[in-house]
N, C-alpha and C. Protein backbone atom coordinates (compact mmCIF):
# COMPACT_ATOMS: atom_id res chain seq x y z
N MET A 1 86.11 124.18 89.83
CA MET A 1 85.46 124.05 91.20
C MET A 1 86.23 123.00 91.94
N LYS A 2 86.38 123.26 93.16
CA LYS A 2 87.18 122.34 94.14
C LYS A 2 86.26 121.01 94.41
N GLU A 3 86.80 119.85 94.23
CA GLU A 3 86.15 118.55 94.53
C GLU A 3 86.02 118.35 96.02
N ASP A 4 85.01 117.85 96.51
CA ASP A 4 84.77 117.49 97.84
C ASP A 4 85.52 116.27 98.13
N ARG A 5 86.58 116.33 99.04
CA ARG A 5 87.47 115.14 99.34
C ARG A 5 86.96 114.40 100.44
N PHE A 6 85.86 114.78 101.15
CA PHE A 6 85.46 114.04 102.20
C PHE A 6 84.13 113.13 101.83
N TYR A 7 84.14 112.07 102.38
CA TYR A 7 83.05 111.19 101.93
C TYR A 7 81.88 111.06 103.05
N HIS A 8 80.76 110.80 102.53
CA HIS A 8 79.60 110.85 103.41
C HIS A 8 79.43 109.42 103.89
N GLU A 9 78.67 109.33 105.07
CA GLU A 9 78.44 108.09 105.77
C GLU A 9 77.91 106.97 104.96
N GLU A 10 77.00 107.38 103.93
CA GLU A 10 76.41 106.32 103.15
C GLU A 10 77.40 105.56 102.16
N GLU A 11 78.53 106.26 101.94
CA GLU A 11 79.54 105.80 101.02
C GLU A 11 80.59 104.95 101.78
N LEU A 12 80.45 104.86 103.02
CA LEU A 12 81.39 104.19 103.93
C LEU A 12 80.83 102.99 104.43
N THR A 13 80.21 102.20 103.62
CA THR A 13 79.58 101.03 104.13
C THR A 13 80.47 99.76 104.09
N GLN A 14 81.54 99.71 103.45
CA GLN A 14 82.40 98.58 103.46
C GLN A 14 83.82 99.05 103.56
N GLY A 15 84.72 98.24 104.31
CA GLY A 15 86.03 98.49 104.44
C GLY A 15 86.90 98.22 103.20
N PRO A 16 88.20 98.36 103.19
CA PRO A 16 88.96 97.95 102.16
C PRO A 16 89.11 96.54 101.92
N ASP A 17 89.20 96.09 100.65
CA ASP A 17 89.45 94.71 100.30
C ASP A 17 90.93 94.38 100.71
N LEU A 18 91.08 93.67 101.73
CA LEU A 18 92.46 93.48 102.25
C LEU A 18 93.23 92.58 101.31
N LEU A 19 92.68 91.90 100.39
CA LEU A 19 93.44 91.15 99.33
C LEU A 19 93.84 91.90 98.20
N GLY A 20 93.34 93.30 98.08
CA GLY A 20 93.75 94.12 96.92
C GLY A 20 93.11 93.79 95.66
N SER A 21 91.96 93.15 95.69
CA SER A 21 91.28 92.94 94.25
C SER A 21 90.67 94.20 93.64
N HIS A 22 90.58 95.37 94.30
CA HIS A 22 90.00 96.51 93.82
C HIS A 22 91.10 97.54 93.65
N THR A 23 91.03 98.38 92.65
CA THR A 23 91.94 99.37 92.41
C THR A 23 91.19 100.69 92.32
N ALA A 24 91.78 101.76 92.66
CA ALA A 24 91.28 103.13 92.64
C ALA A 24 91.37 103.65 91.20
N ALA A 25 90.33 104.25 90.57
CA ALA A 25 90.36 104.86 89.33
C ALA A 25 91.10 106.17 89.53
N ALA A 26 91.95 106.70 88.61
CA ALA A 26 92.66 107.80 88.76
C ALA A 26 92.55 108.83 87.62
N PHE A 27 92.66 110.12 87.79
CA PHE A 27 92.74 111.17 86.78
C PHE A 27 94.23 111.21 86.22
N ASP A 28 94.46 111.96 85.35
CA ASP A 28 95.78 112.01 84.74
C ASP A 28 96.75 112.95 85.43
N ASP A 29 96.19 113.97 86.26
CA ASP A 29 97.14 114.93 86.86
C ASP A 29 97.79 114.21 88.15
N ASP A 30 99.13 114.30 88.20
CA ASP A 30 99.84 113.65 89.25
C ASP A 30 99.93 114.68 90.41
N ASN A 31 99.65 114.22 91.53
CA ASN A 31 99.74 115.06 92.81
C ASN A 31 100.54 114.27 93.93
N ILE A 32 100.22 113.10 94.11
CA ILE A 32 101.06 112.33 95.07
C ILE A 32 102.38 111.83 94.27
N ILE A 33 103.41 111.62 95.10
CA ILE A 33 104.61 111.24 94.27
C ILE A 33 104.46 109.87 93.65
N GLY A 34 104.53 109.90 92.45
CA GLY A 34 104.37 108.69 91.50
C GLY A 34 103.03 108.25 91.42
N GLY A 35 102.15 109.07 91.76
CA GLY A 35 100.67 108.58 91.73
C GLY A 35 99.93 109.57 90.92
N ALA A 36 98.50 109.47 91.01
CA ALA A 36 97.61 110.28 90.25
C ALA A 36 96.37 110.56 91.13
N THR A 37 95.64 111.63 90.78
CA THR A 37 94.46 112.03 91.68
C THR A 37 93.34 110.89 91.37
N CYS A 38 92.83 110.40 92.54
CA CYS A 38 91.88 109.45 92.47
C CYS A 38 90.46 110.12 92.00
N ALA A 39 89.81 109.22 91.28
CA ALA A 39 88.46 109.58 90.90
C ALA A 39 87.58 109.75 92.17
N LYS A 40 86.66 110.78 92.14
CA LYS A 40 85.74 110.92 93.34
C LYS A 40 84.98 109.63 93.71
N ASN A 41 84.95 109.27 94.91
CA ASN A 41 84.28 108.04 95.31
C ASN A 41 84.93 106.71 95.10
N SER A 42 86.14 106.76 94.49
CA SER A 42 86.80 105.55 94.18
C SER A 42 87.49 104.85 95.35
N VAL A 43 87.84 105.54 96.39
CA VAL A 43 88.56 105.13 97.63
C VAL A 43 87.68 105.46 98.90
N PRO A 44 86.54 104.74 99.00
CA PRO A 44 85.63 105.13 100.13
C PRO A 44 86.11 104.69 101.53
N TYR A 45 87.14 104.07 101.68
CA TYR A 45 87.68 103.59 102.84
C TYR A 45 88.81 104.38 103.49
N ILE A 46 89.09 105.49 102.81
CA ILE A 46 90.23 106.43 103.26
C ILE A 46 89.57 107.52 104.05
N VAL A 47 90.21 107.86 105.13
CA VAL A 47 89.77 109.20 105.87
C VAL A 47 90.99 110.14 106.15
N SER A 48 90.43 111.36 106.24
CA SER A 48 91.47 112.45 106.63
C SER A 48 91.30 112.71 108.06
N LEU A 49 92.46 112.53 108.76
CA LEU A 49 92.54 112.77 110.24
C LEU A 49 92.85 114.24 110.28
N ASN A 50 92.02 115.03 110.97
CA ASN A 50 92.34 116.54 110.81
C ASN A 50 91.90 117.13 112.17
N SER A 51 92.57 118.29 112.42
CA SER A 51 92.20 119.06 113.56
C SER A 51 92.24 120.48 113.03
N GLY A 52 91.38 120.69 112.02
CA GLY A 52 91.42 122.00 111.38
C GLY A 52 92.29 122.04 110.22
N TYR A 53 93.05 121.04 110.00
CA TYR A 53 94.07 120.84 108.89
C TYR A 53 94.30 119.28 108.82
N HIS A 54 94.58 118.73 107.63
CA HIS A 54 94.85 117.42 107.58
C HIS A 54 96.29 117.02 108.02
N PHE A 55 96.45 116.13 108.92
CA PHE A 55 97.77 115.67 109.48
C PHE A 55 98.07 114.30 109.27
N CYS A 56 97.15 113.44 108.99
CA CYS A 56 97.33 112.00 108.61
C CYS A 56 96.16 111.46 107.92
N GLY A 57 96.50 110.25 107.31
CA GLY A 57 95.39 109.43 106.77
C GLY A 57 94.98 108.38 107.76
N GLY A 58 93.89 107.73 107.30
CA GLY A 58 93.33 106.57 108.15
C GLY A 58 92.64 105.66 107.11
N SER A 59 92.45 104.51 107.56
CA SER A 59 91.81 103.35 106.90
C SER A 59 90.58 102.90 107.61
N LEU A 60 89.52 103.19 107.02
CA LEU A 60 88.19 102.74 107.55
C LEU A 60 88.05 101.18 107.46
N ILE A 61 87.85 100.49 108.60
CA ILE A 61 87.69 99.16 108.60
C ILE A 61 86.40 98.69 108.93
N THR A 62 85.48 99.50 109.29
CA THR A 62 83.95 99.35 109.27
C THR A 62 83.49 100.75 109.17
N ASN A 63 82.16 100.93 109.24
CA ASN A 63 81.51 102.25 109.04
C ASN A 63 81.68 103.13 110.33
N GLN A 64 82.31 102.54 111.37
CA GLN A 64 82.54 103.35 112.60
C GLN A 64 83.97 103.24 113.09
N TRP A 65 84.87 102.41 112.53
CA TRP A 65 86.15 102.26 113.10
C TRP A 65 87.27 102.70 111.94
N VAL A 66 88.28 103.37 112.42
CA VAL A 66 89.42 103.79 111.58
C VAL A 66 90.63 103.34 112.20
N VAL A 67 91.64 102.71 111.43
CA VAL A 67 93.01 102.53 111.95
C VAL A 67 93.91 103.51 111.18
N SER A 68 95.06 103.79 111.99
CA SER A 68 96.04 104.75 111.41
C SER A 68 97.26 104.46 112.10
N ALA A 69 98.30 105.18 111.60
CA ALA A 69 99.57 104.98 112.25
C ALA A 69 99.65 105.66 113.60
N ALA A 70 100.39 104.92 114.48
CA ALA A 70 100.60 105.46 115.86
C ALA A 70 101.15 106.77 116.02
N HIS A 71 102.10 107.10 115.09
CA HIS A 71 102.72 108.47 115.18
C HIS A 71 101.82 109.51 114.71
N CYS A 72 100.60 109.31 114.23
CA CYS A 72 99.69 110.30 113.85
C CYS A 72 99.10 110.86 115.13
N TYR A 73 99.04 110.22 116.19
CA TYR A 73 98.30 110.64 117.37
C TYR A 73 99.32 111.42 118.25
N LYS A 74 98.88 112.69 118.43
CA LYS A 74 99.96 113.47 119.19
C LYS A 74 99.50 113.71 120.68
N THR A 75 98.74 112.83 121.16
CA THR A 75 98.16 113.08 122.51
C THR A 75 98.94 112.10 123.53
N CYS A 76 100.26 111.70 123.38
CA CYS A 76 100.92 110.79 124.14
C CYS A 76 101.33 111.54 125.40
N LEU A 77 101.08 110.95 126.61
CA LEU A 77 101.59 111.52 127.93
C LEU A 77 102.65 110.73 128.53
N ILE A 78 103.86 111.26 128.73
CA ILE A 78 104.91 110.75 129.43
C ILE A 78 104.98 111.40 130.85
N SER A 79 105.06 110.43 131.90
CA SER A 79 105.08 110.97 133.20
C SER A 79 106.07 110.37 134.09
N GLY A 80 106.55 111.17 135.08
CA GLY A 80 107.64 110.58 136.00
C GLY A 80 108.10 111.66 136.92
N TRP A 81 109.01 111.08 137.79
CA TRP A 81 109.60 111.90 138.90
C TRP A 81 111.06 112.15 138.53
N GLY A 82 111.51 111.94 137.25
CA GLY A 82 112.90 111.98 136.93
C GLY A 82 113.44 113.31 136.92
N ASN A 83 114.66 113.37 136.67
CA ASN A 83 115.45 114.67 136.58
C ASN A 83 114.80 115.62 135.58
N THR A 84 114.72 116.92 135.95
CA THR A 84 113.94 117.92 135.05
C THR A 84 115.00 118.75 134.39
N LEU A 85 116.25 118.48 134.49
CA LEU A 85 117.25 119.35 133.82
C LEU A 85 118.17 118.51 132.85
N SER A 86 118.34 119.07 131.80
CA SER A 86 119.18 118.42 130.74
C SER A 86 120.54 118.58 131.21
N ASN A 87 120.99 119.55 131.86
CA ASN A 87 122.35 119.77 132.35
C ASN A 87 122.22 119.99 133.89
N GLY A 88 122.70 119.18 134.70
CA GLY A 88 122.45 119.34 136.07
C GLY A 88 121.53 118.31 136.66
N SER A 89 121.14 118.57 137.90
CA SER A 89 120.26 117.62 138.61
C SER A 89 119.08 118.28 139.45
N ASN A 90 117.88 117.92 139.19
CA ASN A 90 116.71 118.44 139.89
C ASN A 90 115.64 117.37 139.85
N TYR A 91 115.44 116.64 140.83
CA TYR A 91 114.40 115.67 141.01
C TYR A 91 113.29 116.18 141.83
N PRO A 92 112.08 116.30 141.02
CA PRO A 92 110.91 117.07 141.82
C PRO A 92 110.17 116.09 142.67
N ASP A 93 109.50 116.70 143.63
CA ASP A 93 108.67 116.00 144.50
C ASP A 93 107.29 115.65 143.87
N LEU A 94 106.87 116.35 142.98
CA LEU A 94 105.58 116.29 142.31
C LEU A 94 105.75 115.64 140.98
N LEU A 95 104.82 114.77 140.64
CA LEU A 95 104.91 114.05 139.39
C LEU A 95 104.83 115.10 138.15
N GLN A 96 105.70 114.83 137.18
CA GLN A 96 105.80 115.73 136.14
C GLN A 96 105.16 114.99 134.86
N CYS A 97 104.53 115.74 134.02
CA CYS A 97 103.85 115.19 132.81
C CYS A 97 104.24 115.95 131.52
N LEU A 98 104.40 115.28 130.49
CA LEU A 98 104.73 115.99 129.14
C LEU A 98 103.98 115.32 128.06
N ASN A 99 103.21 116.11 127.24
CA ASN A 99 102.54 115.63 126.11
C ASN A 99 103.63 115.66 124.89
N ALA A 100 103.84 114.47 124.21
CA ALA A 100 104.69 114.39 123.22
C ALA A 100 104.17 113.47 122.01
N PRO A 101 104.75 113.79 120.92
CA PRO A 101 104.34 112.74 119.78
C PRO A 101 105.15 111.60 119.57
N ILE A 102 104.54 110.42 119.07
CA ILE A 102 105.42 109.40 118.60
C ILE A 102 105.88 109.67 117.37
N LEU A 103 107.26 109.55 117.21
CA LEU A 103 107.91 109.89 115.94
C LEU A 103 107.91 108.74 114.93
N THR A 104 108.07 109.14 113.77
CA THR A 104 108.25 108.09 112.70
C THR A 104 109.40 107.14 112.79
N ASP A 105 109.33 105.98 112.26
CA ASP A 105 110.47 105.00 112.26
C ASP A 105 111.75 105.73 111.49
N ALA A 106 111.44 106.53 110.56
CA ALA A 106 112.53 107.19 109.74
C ALA A 106 113.18 108.18 110.73
N GLN A 107 112.41 109.00 111.42
CA GLN A 107 113.06 109.90 112.38
C GLN A 107 113.83 109.23 113.47
N CYS A 108 113.29 108.06 113.95
CA CYS A 108 113.81 107.36 115.05
C CYS A 108 115.33 106.78 114.56
N ASN A 109 115.18 106.08 113.41
CA ASN A 109 116.34 105.46 112.90
C ASN A 109 117.39 106.51 112.40
N SER A 110 117.03 107.70 112.03
CA SER A 110 117.93 108.70 111.71
C SER A 110 118.62 109.33 112.82
N ALA A 111 117.89 109.38 114.04
CA ALA A 111 118.59 109.76 115.29
C ALA A 111 119.60 108.70 115.83
N TYR A 112 119.19 107.60 115.76
CA TYR A 112 120.11 106.57 116.20
C TYR A 112 120.28 105.37 115.23
N PRO A 113 121.14 105.58 114.12
CA PRO A 113 121.40 104.64 113.19
C PRO A 113 121.82 103.32 113.51
N GLY A 114 121.26 102.25 113.17
CA GLY A 114 121.57 100.91 113.64
C GLY A 114 121.33 100.53 115.05
N GLU A 115 120.69 101.38 115.82
CA GLU A 115 120.40 101.10 117.15
C GLU A 115 118.99 100.72 117.49
N ILE A 116 118.16 101.12 116.66
CA ILE A 116 116.80 100.87 116.95
C ILE A 116 116.25 99.47 116.56
N THR A 117 115.57 98.80 117.29
CA THR A 117 115.00 97.52 116.92
C THR A 117 113.48 97.74 116.84
N ALA A 118 112.92 96.62 116.40
CA ALA A 118 111.33 96.50 116.19
C ALA A 118 110.56 96.62 117.54
N ASN A 119 111.40 96.46 118.63
CA ASN A 119 110.72 96.60 119.96
C ASN A 119 110.90 97.96 120.62
N MET A 120 111.26 98.91 119.78
CA MET A 120 111.45 100.36 120.34
C MET A 120 110.76 101.25 119.57
N ILE A 121 110.31 102.48 120.07
CA ILE A 121 109.72 103.59 119.36
C ILE A 121 110.40 104.83 119.96
N CYS A 122 110.30 105.79 119.25
CA CYS A 122 110.88 107.16 119.71
C CYS A 122 109.79 108.10 119.94
N VAL A 123 109.72 108.74 120.96
CA VAL A 123 108.56 109.77 121.40
C VAL A 123 109.41 111.05 121.86
N GLY A 124 108.86 112.13 121.29
CA GLY A 124 109.47 113.31 121.71
C GLY A 124 109.67 114.43 120.63
N TYR A 125 110.58 115.26 120.80
CA TYR A 125 110.76 116.47 119.93
C TYR A 125 112.11 116.45 119.29
N MET A 126 112.14 116.37 118.02
CA MET A 126 113.62 116.50 117.41
C MET A 126 114.26 117.74 117.73
N GLU A 127 113.54 118.80 117.95
CA GLU A 127 114.19 120.02 118.26
C GLU A 127 114.76 120.13 119.59
N GLY A 128 114.46 119.13 120.44
CA GLY A 128 114.90 119.05 121.77
C GLY A 128 114.12 119.85 122.71
N GLY A 129 114.64 120.04 124.01
CA GLY A 129 114.05 120.85 124.95
C GLY A 129 113.00 120.23 125.86
N LYS A 130 112.40 119.17 125.43
CA LYS A 130 111.41 118.38 126.18
C LYS A 130 111.71 116.92 126.05
N ASP A 131 111.60 116.20 127.26
CA ASP A 131 112.02 114.70 127.14
C ASP A 131 111.87 114.09 128.46
N SER A 132 111.89 112.73 128.49
CA SER A 132 112.16 112.01 129.78
C SER A 132 113.53 112.13 130.22
N CYS A 133 113.98 111.66 131.45
CA CYS A 133 115.33 111.77 131.70
C CYS A 133 115.59 110.83 132.82
N GLN A 134 116.87 110.79 133.40
CA GLN A 134 117.13 109.78 134.37
C GLN A 134 116.23 109.91 135.64
N GLY A 135 115.75 108.71 136.04
CA GLY A 135 114.69 108.64 137.05
C GLY A 135 113.30 108.33 136.46
N ASP A 136 113.15 108.65 135.16
CA ASP A 136 111.84 108.48 134.56
C ASP A 136 111.79 106.91 133.97
N SER A 137 112.86 106.22 133.98
CA SER A 137 112.89 104.90 133.44
C SER A 137 111.93 104.03 134.03
N GLY A 138 111.21 103.31 133.06
CA GLY A 138 110.12 102.31 133.56
C GLY A 138 108.76 102.96 133.56
N GLY A 139 108.75 104.18 133.42
CA GLY A 139 107.47 104.96 133.40
C GLY A 139 106.80 104.81 132.10
N PRO A 140 105.56 105.24 132.18
CA PRO A 140 104.70 105.00 130.93
C PRO A 140 104.69 106.21 129.93
N VAL A 141 104.36 105.69 128.67
CA VAL A 141 103.94 106.58 127.57
C VAL A 141 102.51 106.10 127.25
N VAL A 142 101.53 106.96 127.43
CA VAL A 142 100.08 106.61 127.30
C VAL A 142 99.62 107.52 126.12
N CYS A 143 99.09 106.84 125.11
CA CYS A 143 98.51 107.58 124.04
C CYS A 143 96.97 107.21 123.79
N ASN A 144 96.17 108.21 123.92
CA ASN A 144 94.74 108.02 123.77
C ASN A 144 94.34 106.86 124.79
N GLY A 145 94.82 106.94 126.00
CA GLY A 145 94.37 106.01 127.02
C GLY A 145 94.97 104.64 127.03
N GLN A 146 95.88 104.47 126.06
CA GLN A 146 96.54 103.12 125.97
C GLN A 146 97.98 103.21 126.20
N LEU A 147 98.52 102.11 126.94
CA LEU A 147 100.06 102.25 127.21
C LEU A 147 100.63 101.86 125.86
N GLN A 148 101.60 102.62 125.36
CA GLN A 148 102.22 102.36 124.15
C GLN A 148 103.64 102.17 124.42
N GLY A 149 104.23 102.69 125.40
CA GLY A 149 105.68 102.68 125.65
C GLY A 149 106.11 102.69 127.08
N VAL A 150 107.32 102.33 127.32
CA VAL A 150 107.86 102.40 128.56
C VAL A 150 109.20 103.01 128.44
N VAL A 151 109.44 104.14 129.40
CA VAL A 151 110.67 104.95 129.29
C VAL A 151 111.93 103.98 129.36
N SER A 152 112.82 104.20 128.47
CA SER A 152 113.90 103.22 128.32
C SER A 152 115.33 103.96 128.27
N TRP A 153 115.61 104.70 127.18
CA TRP A 153 116.89 105.20 126.95
C TRP A 153 116.98 106.38 125.98
N GLY A 154 118.06 107.10 125.87
CA GLY A 154 118.29 108.11 124.88
C GLY A 154 119.84 108.52 125.09
N TYR A 155 120.21 109.43 124.18
CA TYR A 155 121.51 110.22 124.31
C TYR A 155 121.24 111.43 125.12
N GLY A 156 121.60 111.50 126.32
CA GLY A 156 121.35 112.65 127.17
C GLY A 156 119.82 112.81 127.39
N CYS A 157 119.48 113.98 127.67
CA CYS A 157 118.06 114.21 127.88
C CYS A 157 117.64 115.69 127.16
N ALA A 158 116.73 115.56 126.50
CA ALA A 158 116.05 116.69 125.65
C ALA A 158 117.08 117.35 124.81
N GLN A 159 117.95 116.45 124.19
CA GLN A 159 118.87 117.04 123.25
C GLN A 159 118.41 117.09 121.79
N ARG A 160 118.82 118.11 121.09
CA ARG A 160 118.34 118.20 119.62
C ARG A 160 118.72 117.08 118.91
N ASN A 161 117.82 116.47 118.06
CA ASN A 161 117.98 115.27 117.17
C ASN A 161 118.21 113.96 118.01
N TYR A 162 117.97 114.00 119.15
CA TYR A 162 118.00 112.78 119.98
C TYR A 162 116.87 112.62 120.93
N PRO A 163 115.66 112.10 120.39
CA PRO A 163 114.47 111.93 121.11
C PRO A 163 114.52 110.75 122.04
N GLY A 164 113.69 110.74 122.95
CA GLY A 164 113.76 109.45 123.91
C GLY A 164 113.35 108.24 123.21
N VAL A 165 113.91 107.11 123.64
CA VAL A 165 113.65 105.79 123.04
C VAL A 165 112.95 105.03 124.22
N TYR A 166 111.80 104.32 123.67
CA TYR A 166 110.92 103.66 124.64
C TYR A 166 110.71 102.19 124.26
N THR A 167 110.42 101.44 125.02
CA THR A 167 110.01 100.00 124.81
C THR A 167 108.62 100.07 124.10
N LYS A 168 108.43 99.32 123.02
CA LYS A 168 107.26 99.26 122.30
C LYS A 168 106.26 98.17 122.90
N VAL A 169 105.47 98.65 123.82
CA VAL A 169 104.67 97.62 124.67
C VAL A 169 103.86 96.64 123.82
N CYS A 170 103.35 97.00 122.73
CA CYS A 170 102.41 96.07 122.00
C CYS A 170 103.18 94.86 121.60
N ASN A 171 104.51 94.82 121.40
CA ASN A 171 105.27 93.73 121.10
C ASN A 171 105.33 92.79 122.20
N TYR A 172 105.02 93.12 123.29
CA TYR A 172 105.07 92.33 124.55
C TYR A 172 103.71 91.95 125.08
N ASN A 173 102.65 92.23 124.49
CA ASN A 173 101.33 91.97 124.90
C ASN A 173 101.17 90.52 125.33
N ALA A 174 101.54 89.48 124.60
CA ALA A 174 101.42 88.03 124.87
C ALA A 174 102.18 87.71 126.17
N TRP A 175 103.41 88.27 126.17
CA TRP A 175 104.23 87.94 127.42
C TRP A 175 103.59 88.64 128.67
N ILE A 176 103.11 89.74 128.46
CA ILE A 176 102.50 90.34 129.72
C ILE A 176 101.28 89.53 130.03
N GLN A 177 100.50 89.10 129.11
CA GLN A 177 99.20 88.32 129.58
C GLN A 177 99.59 87.11 130.06
N ASN A 178 100.66 86.36 129.61
CA ASN A 178 101.03 84.98 129.98
C ASN A 178 101.65 85.29 131.39
N THR A 179 102.40 86.23 131.65
CA THR A 179 102.89 86.38 133.07
C THR A 179 101.87 86.76 134.11
N ILE A 180 100.88 87.47 133.67
CA ILE A 180 99.75 87.78 134.64
C ILE A 180 99.01 86.57 134.84
N ALA A 181 98.76 85.76 133.77
CA ALA A 181 97.92 84.41 134.01
C ALA A 181 98.74 83.43 134.85
N ALA A 182 99.87 83.41 134.62
CA ALA A 182 100.74 82.46 135.37
C ALA A 182 101.03 82.82 136.91
N ASN A 183 100.66 83.95 137.33
CA ASN A 183 100.83 84.47 138.68
C ASN A 183 99.64 84.88 139.41
């Protein structure tokens, strides 16, 4: 019989112990790389983010709030009036929009070895065909209503294995707030 892997609200009354004093009980059969199946109800603070299928995990920090990795959210919107051609030039009169995912650090570093800093994120499609381009620089990447990135650079536009690189806005929150307050 298949075990219920989803937890009920009454089981989600406390978040994880951030100091790590609790460990999850495990069964003997290995499923996760180097790990084992967790005993039912032994990890009440994990959630499955899904849209008809599991796509990412999350950590329950209260009975109503979950944190997860930024790249798990695929509802980022890039917008601008930049070039719409990867080869050639076409600058539209109307604002263009593209929904694109934040890529993992591994994908970003693989595309641009030694060039990605902690102040950068990659957003887009490794298969190419969709991207920001010249003229979009400085424009927003908004994920779930929050500014996450600013269009910065890339190798060409919409090239396979070369996603767009964006300034990681959260690293500049203090500077932004200080600049606003000082002016």
